[in-house]
Each structure stands twice: as structure tokens, then as C-alpha cells.
C-alpha atoms as a PDB file:
ATOM      1  CA  MET A   1      -7.338  10.786  21.350  1.00  0.00           C
ATOM      2  CA  SER A   2      -4.331  12.406  19.777  1.00  0.00           C
ATOM      3  CA  LYS A   3      -2.058  12.367  16.764  1.00  0.00           C
ATOM      4  CA  ALA A   4       1.323  10.700  16.305  1.00  0.00           C
ATOM      5  CA  ILE A   5       4.363  10.505  14.072  1.00  0.00           C
ATOM      6  CA  THR A   6       6.176   7.198  14.262  1.00  0.00           C
ATOM      7  CA  ASN A   7       9.614   5.970  13.420  1.00  0.00           C
ATOM      8  CA  THR A   8      10.523   2.561  12.001  1.00  0.00           C
ATOM      9  CA  SER A   9      11.152   0.513  15.158  1.00  0.00           C
ATOM     10  CA  PRO A  10       7.700   0.918  16.753  1.00  0.00           C
ATOM     11  CA  LEU A  11       6.096  -0.138  13.451  1.00  0.00           C
ATOM     12  CA  ILE A  12       8.359  -3.190  13.239  1.00  0.00           C
ATOM     13  CA  THR A  13       7.790  -4.159  16.866  1.00  0.00           C
ATOM     14  CA  LEU A  14       4.021  -3.767  16.760  1.00  0.00           C
ATOM     15  CA  SER A  15       3.802  -5.601  13.428  1.00  0.00           C
ATOM     16  CA  LYS A  16       5.880  -8.536  14.719  1.00  0.00           C
ATOM     17  CA  MET A  17       3.540  -8.660  17.720  1.00  0.00           C
ATOM     18  CA  GLY A  18       0.507  -8.699  15.440  1.00  0.00           C
ATOM     19  CA  ARG A  19      -0.590  -5.401  16.986  1.00  0.00           C
ATOM     20  CA  LEU A  20       0.165  -2.762  14.327  1.00  0.00           C
ATOM     21  CA  LYS A  21      -3.449  -1.581  14.313  1.00  0.00           C
ATOM     22  CA  ILE A  22      -3.203  -0.596  17.967  1.00  0.00           C
ATOM     23  CA  LEU A  23      -1.703   2.663  16.657  1.00  0.00           C
ATOM     24  CA  ARG A  24      -4.928   3.326  14.760  1.00  0.00           C
ATOM     25  CA  ASP A  25      -6.949   2.555  17.885  1.00  0.00           C
ATOM     26  CA  VAL A  26      -4.920   4.851  20.146  1.00  0.00           C
ATOM     27  CA  TYR A  27      -4.342   7.808  17.804  1.00  0.00           C
ATOM     28  CA  ASP A  28      -6.698   9.737  15.527  1.00  0.00           C
ATOM     29  CA  GLU A  29      -3.959  10.114  12.944  1.00  0.00           C
ATOM     30  CA  VAL A  30      -0.663   8.267  12.491  1.00  0.00           C
ATOM     31  CA  ILE A  31       1.973   9.742  10.211  1.00  0.00           C
ATOM     32  CA  ILE A  32       5.102   8.028   8.955  1.00  0.00           C
ATOM     33  CA  PRO A  33       7.848   9.953   7.165  1.00  0.00           C
ATOM     34  CA  LYS A  34       8.699   8.741   3.673  1.00  0.00           C
ATOM     35  CA  ALA A  35      12.169   7.598   4.863  1.00  0.00           C
ATOM     36  CA  VAL A  36      10.489   5.341   7.437  1.00  0.00           C
ATOM     37  CA  LEU A  37       8.352   3.718   4.754  1.00  0.00           C
ATOM     38  CA  GLU A  38      11.442   3.250   2.557  1.00  0.00           C
ATOM     39  CA  GLU A  39      13.396   1.658   5.454  1.00  0.00           C
ATOM     40  CA  ILE A  40      10.558  -0.785   6.065  1.00  0.00           C
ATOM     41  CA  LYS A  41       9.938  -1.596   2.400  1.00  0.00           C
ATOM     42  CA  ALA A  42      13.668  -2.285   1.894  1.00  0.00           C
ATOM     43  CA  LYS A  43      13.374  -5.264   4.241  1.00  0.00           C
ATOM     44  CA  ASN A  44      10.831  -6.903   1.905  1.00  0.00           C
ATOM     45  CA  ASP A  45       9.467  -9.141   4.677  1.00  0.00           C
ATOM     46  CA  PHE A  46       6.101  -9.706   6.362  1.00  0.00           C
ATOM     47  CA  VAL A  47       6.501  -6.457   8.336  1.00  0.00           C
ATOM     48  CA  ALA A  48       6.889  -4.515   5.080  1.00  0.00           C
ATOM     49  CA  LYS A  49       3.788  -6.197   3.693  1.00  0.00           C
ATOM     50  CA  ASP A  50       1.876  -5.485   6.910  1.00  0.00           C
ATOM     51  CA  VAL A  51       2.786  -1.789   6.849  1.00  0.00           C
ATOM     52  CA  VAL A  52       2.047  -1.432   3.126  1.00  0.00           C
ATOM     53  CA  ASN A  53      -1.315  -3.176   3.633  1.00  0.00           C
ATOM     54  CA  ASN A  54      -2.192  -0.546   6.253  1.00  0.00           C
ATOM     55  CA  LEU A  55      -1.386   2.583   4.256  1.00  0.00           C
ATOM     56  CA  ASP A  56      -5.105   3.361   4.196  1.00  0.00           C
ATOM     57  CA  TRP A  57      -4.718   4.718   7.738  1.00  0.00           C
ATOM     58  CA  LEU A  58      -0.934   5.208   7.998  1.00  0.00           C
ATOM     59  CA  LYS A  59      -0.339   8.587   6.377  1.00  0.00           C
ATOM     60  CA  VAL A  60       3.017   8.911   4.556  1.00  0.00           C
ATOM     61  CA  ILE A  61       4.423  12.447   4.410  1.00  0.00           C
ATOM     62  CA  ASP A  62       7.536  13.858   2.783  1.00  0.00           C
ATOM     63  CA  CYS A  63       9.858  15.465   5.278  1.00  0.00           C
ATOM     64  CA  PRO A  64      11.067  19.046   4.843  1.00  0.00           C
ATOM     65  CA  GLU A  65      14.695  19.436   3.805  1.00  0.00           C
ATOM     66  CA  VAL A  66      17.007  18.772   6.713  1.00  0.00           C
ATOM     67  CA  ASP A  67      20.650  19.342   7.522  1.00  0.00           C
ATOM     68  CA  ARG A  68      21.597  15.828   8.670  1.00  0.00           C
ATOM     69  CA  LYS A  69      24.857  17.123  10.181  1.00  0.00           C
ATOM     70  CA  LYS A  70      22.721  18.808  12.811  1.00  0.00           C
ATOM     71  CA  PHE A  71      21.903  15.352  14.161  1.00  0.00           C
ATOM     72  CA  ARG A  72      25.430  14.037  13.770  1.00  0.00           C
ATOM     73  CA  SER A  73      25.707  10.532  12.442  1.00  0.00           C
ATOM     74  CA  ILE A  74      24.107   8.819  15.433  1.00  0.00           C
ATOM     75  CA  LEU A  75      20.583   8.745  14.026  1.00  0.00           C
ATOM     76  CA  HIS A  76      19.163   6.868  11.046  1.00  0.00           C
ATOM     77  CA  ALA A  77      17.312   8.594   8.205  1.00  0.00           C
ATOM     78  CA  GLY A  78      13.897   7.521   9.533  1.00  0.00           C
ATOM     79  CA  GLU A  79      14.650   8.834  13.019  1.00  0.00           C
ATOM     80  CA  ILE A  80      15.906  12.136  11.633  1.00  0.00           C
ATOM     81  CA  GLU A  81      12.872  12.570   9.386  1.00  0.00           C
ATOM     82  CA  ALA A  82      10.455  11.668  12.193  1.00  0.00           C
ATOM     83  CA  ILE A  83      12.058  14.280  14.471  1.00  0.00           C
ATOM     84  CA  VAL A  84      12.190  16.953  11.759  1.00  0.00           C
ATOM     85  CA  LEU A  85       8.612  16.251  10.711  1.00  0.00           C
ATOM     86  CA  ALA A  86       7.415  16.458  14.332  1.00  0.00           C
ATOM     87  CA  GLN A  87       9.316  19.712  14.732  1.00  0.00           C
ATOM     88  CA  SER A  88       7.827  21.197  11.554  1.00  0.00           C
ATOM     89  CA  ILE A  89       4.246  20.100  12.312  1.00  0.00           C
ATOM     90  CA  GLY A  90       4.385  21.205  15.920  1.00  0.00           C
ATOM     91  CA  SER A  91       3.814  19.766  19.349  1.00  0.00           C
ATOM     92  CA  ARG A  92       0.267  18.598  18.543  1.00  0.00           C
ATOM     93  CA  TYR A  93       1.779  15.225  17.603  1.00  0.00           C
ATOM     94  CA  PHE A  94       3.408  12.610  19.801  1.00  0.00           C
ATOM     95  CA  LEU A  95       6.668  11.304  18.396  1.00  0.00           C
ATOM     96  CA  ILE A  96       6.782   7.518  18.773  1.00  0.00           C
ATOM     97  CA  ILE A  97      10.405   6.452  18.750  1.00  0.00           C
ATOM     98  CA  ASP A  98      12.276   3.740  20.658  1.00  0.00           C
ATOM     99  CA  ASP A  99      15.941   4.604  20.089  1.00  0.00           C
ATOM    100  CA  GLN A 100      17.346   6.326  23.187  1.00  0.00           C
ATOM    101  CA  ALA A 101      19.616   8.729  21.279  1.00  0.00           C
ATOM    102  CA  ALA A 102      16.690   9.762  19.084  1.00  0.00           C
ATOM    103  CA  LYS A 103      14.483  10.226  22.156  1.00  0.00           C
ATOM    104  CA  ARG A 104      17.128  12.443  23.756  1.00  0.00           C
ATOM    105  CA  ALA A 105      17.400  14.533  20.566  1.00  0.00           C
ATOM    106  CA  ALA A 106      13.610  14.930  20.415  1.00  0.00           C
ATOM    107  CA  LYS A 107      13.398  15.901  24.079  1.00  0.00           C
ATOM    108  CA  LEU A 108      16.102  18.528  23.553  1.00  0.00           C
ATOM    109  CA  LEU A 109      13.802  19.993  20.906  1.00  0.00           C
ATOM    110  CA  ASN A 110      10.897  19.928  23.407  1.00  0.00           C
ATOM    111  CA  LEU A 111       8.927  17.403  21.370  1.00  0.00           C
ATOM    112  CA  PRO A 112       6.440  15.131  23.154  1.00  0.00           C
ATOM    113  CA  VAL A 113       7.984  11.666  22.924  1.00  0.00           C
ATOM    114  CA  THR A 114       6.820   8.168  23.710  1.00  0.00           C
ATOM    115  CA  GLY A 115       7.879   4.697  22.636  1.00  0.00           C
ATOM    116  CA  THR A 116       6.249   1.388  21.833  1.00  0.00           C
ATOM    117  CA  LEU A 117       5.840   0.640  25.533  1.00  0.00           C
ATOM    118  CA  GLY A 118       4.213   4.055  25.993  1.00  0.00           C
ATOM    119  CA  VAL A 119       1.760   3.234  23.205  1.00  0.00           C
ATOM    120  CA  LEU A 120       0.785   0.041  25.043  1.00  0.00           C
ATOM    121  CA  LEU A 121       0.336   1.994  28.284  1.00  0.00           C
ATOM    122  CA  GLU A 122      -1.862   4.532  26.507  1.00  0.00           C
ATOM    123  CA  ALA A 123      -3.905   1.715  24.961  1.00  0.00           C
ATOM    124  CA  LYS A 124      -4.480   0.308  28.440  1.00  0.00           C
ATOM    125  CA  ARG A 125      -5.366   3.749  29.814  1.00  0.00           C
ATOM    126  CA  GLN A 126      -7.940   4.170  27.032  1.00  0.00           C
ATOM    127  CA  GLY A 127      -9.415   0.711  27.716  1.00  0.00           C
ATOM    128  CA  ILE A 128      -8.243  -0.705  24.389  1.00  0.00           C
ATOM    129  CA  LEU A 129      -6.113  -3.308  26.186  1.00  0.00           C
ATOM    130  CA  GLU A 130      -7.072  -5.090  29.394  1.00  0.00           C
ATOM    131  CA  GLU A 131      -3.448  -5.751  30.299  1.00  0.00           C
ATOM    132  CA  ILE A 132      -0.014  -5.060  28.872  1.00  0.00           C
ATOM    133  CA  ALA A 133       2.039  -7.729  30.676  1.00  0.00           C
ATOM    134  CA  PRO A 134       1.619 -10.407  27.967  1.00  0.00           C
ATOM    135  CA  LEU A 135       2.566  -7.879  25.274  1.00  0.00           C
ATOM    136  CA  VAL A 136       5.606  -6.708  27.235  1.00  0.00           C
ATOM    137  CA  GLU A 137       6.719 -10.335  27.467  1.00  0.00           C
ATOM    138  CA  LEU A 138       6.089 -10.746  23.733  1.00  0.00           C
ATOM    139  CA  MET A 139       8.240  -7.677  23.058  1.00  0.00           C
ATOM    140  CA  ARG A 140      11.100  -9.399  24.852  1.00  0.00           C
ATOM    141  CA  GLU A 141      10.464 -12.652  22.983  1.00  0.00           C
ATOM    142  CA  ILE A 142      10.772 -10.938  19.606  1.00  0.00           C
ATOM    143  CA  GLY A 143      14.063  -9.369  20.622  1.00  0.00           C
ATOM    144  CA  VAL A 144      13.196  -5.939  22.021  1.00  0.00           C
ATOM    145  CA  TYR A 145      15.498  -5.098  24.921  1.00  0.00           C
ATOM    146  CA  LEU A 146      13.616  -3.897  27.979  1.00  0.00           C
ATOM    147  CA  SER A 147      15.387  -3.790  31.317  1.00  0.00           C
ATOM    148  CA  ASP A 148      13.706  -5.409  34.312  1.00  0.00           C
ATOM    149  CA  GLU A 149      13.450  -1.942  35.866  1.00  0.00           C
ATOM    150  CA  VAL A 150      11.635  -0.494  32.842  1.00  0.00           C
ATOM    151  CA  ILE A 151       9.243  -3.442  32.775  1.00  0.00           C
ATOM    152  CA  LYS A 152       8.471  -3.084  36.477  1.00  0.00           C
ATOM    153  CA  MET A 153       7.836   0.648  36.054  1.00  0.00           C
ATOM    154  CA  ALA A 154       5.532   0.032  33.076  1.00  0.00           C
ATOM    155  CA  LEU A 155       3.576  -2.704  34.836  1.00  0.00           C
ATOM    156  CA  SER A 156       3.276  -0.542  37.940  1.00  0.00           C
ATOM    157  CA  THR A 157       2.041   2.396  35.839  1.00  0.00           C
ATOM    158  CA  ALA A 158      -0.473   0.048  34.209  1.00  0.00           C
ATOM    159  CA  GLY A 159      -1.654  -1.072  37.656  1.00  0.00           C
ATOM    160  CA  GLU A 160      -0.584  -4.634  36.970  1.00  0.00           C
ATOM    161  CA  ILE A 161       1.870  -4.849  39.870  1.00  0.00           C
ATOM    162  CA  SER A 162       1.883  -2.990  43.157  1.00  0.00           C
ATOM    163  CA  GLN A 163       4.599  -0.637  44.340  1.00  0.00           C
ATOM    164  CA  THR A 164       5.744  -3.288  46.848  1.00  0.00           C
ATOM    165  CA  GLU A 165       6.122  -5.864  44.069  1.00  0.00           C
ATOM    166  CA  GLN A 166       8.169  -3.351  42.109  1.00  0.00           C
ATOM    167  CA  SER A 167      10.875  -3.201  44.804  1.00  0.00           C
END
């Protein structure tokens, strides 16, 4: 098992799917930057309540001071803090982030990055989930954009479709 720092969108997605605790099952420690918690709490919805009710295992950490200009204006506060926190803590932590611009920024900084789909794949690899296909479909149903190509690659990686079916 490993450790992770997550941004807002994976928390929202997993909560809407009723699978927030999968993070706890997959990772020994899950950290959320304070800005991420503030973004979620500002929504004041069931996701906010779900996250707040799980702060016994979601560890909230203040982010070191950051020059936001360094990240231009393309990233949100939670994404910036997640990246900066991952950078300050070191590469022992996976950064869980779904936004493509944020993923590119993290990769440029040589940070290990995954997304919500990657968390599901890891859960399957660890035997926590028997299959990911129903959850991938649920992600789409709740409004997460996943291209057909990405879904086929994920299901192939999970061993849920063959390479010939992927074509």
C-alpha cells in the first residue's frame, strides 16, 4: 500500500459514487490540502458532508506558501495546493488529480500522478474491487467525461476486456 494526496475532483467523484472510502482501502494515508477541504465545504452539499464525516482518516494539511503565478491562472487553488504539497512532501505520495492541465503540471515536476480511474484500477489490482466496469459506467452517469478510448484502455488494463475487443 502507499500514500496519496488528493485534489477536489476525485473526492467529489468517489463520494457521488458512494465509494469515498475506497481511498482509505487503497492507500495507507490520504492527505487533502486545506484549500481542497475549503472548496468542498463551500458547496455545502452531501459531498461536503461525506468528506467532513470522513476526516478521521482524511488528513487535512496546510500547504506551504506558494507563488500562484508559477502555475499561471489555469489551475484552481486546490489543484495548486495539492501539487505544491506533493512537491514539498516528496515522491513518496501519489498525487490523485483528474484535471488534465494539473496532471501535466505535476508530471513536469516529476510527481507520481494518477486519477480517479487509476484509483479504481489500483483497487482492482489489490483485490478490493472485483471489477471496475460498473464503476466506470457510474462515473459517466454522474457526469465525469471519459472518452471511449480511455474506458477501453482502463478495462483492458483491468483484464475486463481483451485486446481484440479494445480495437
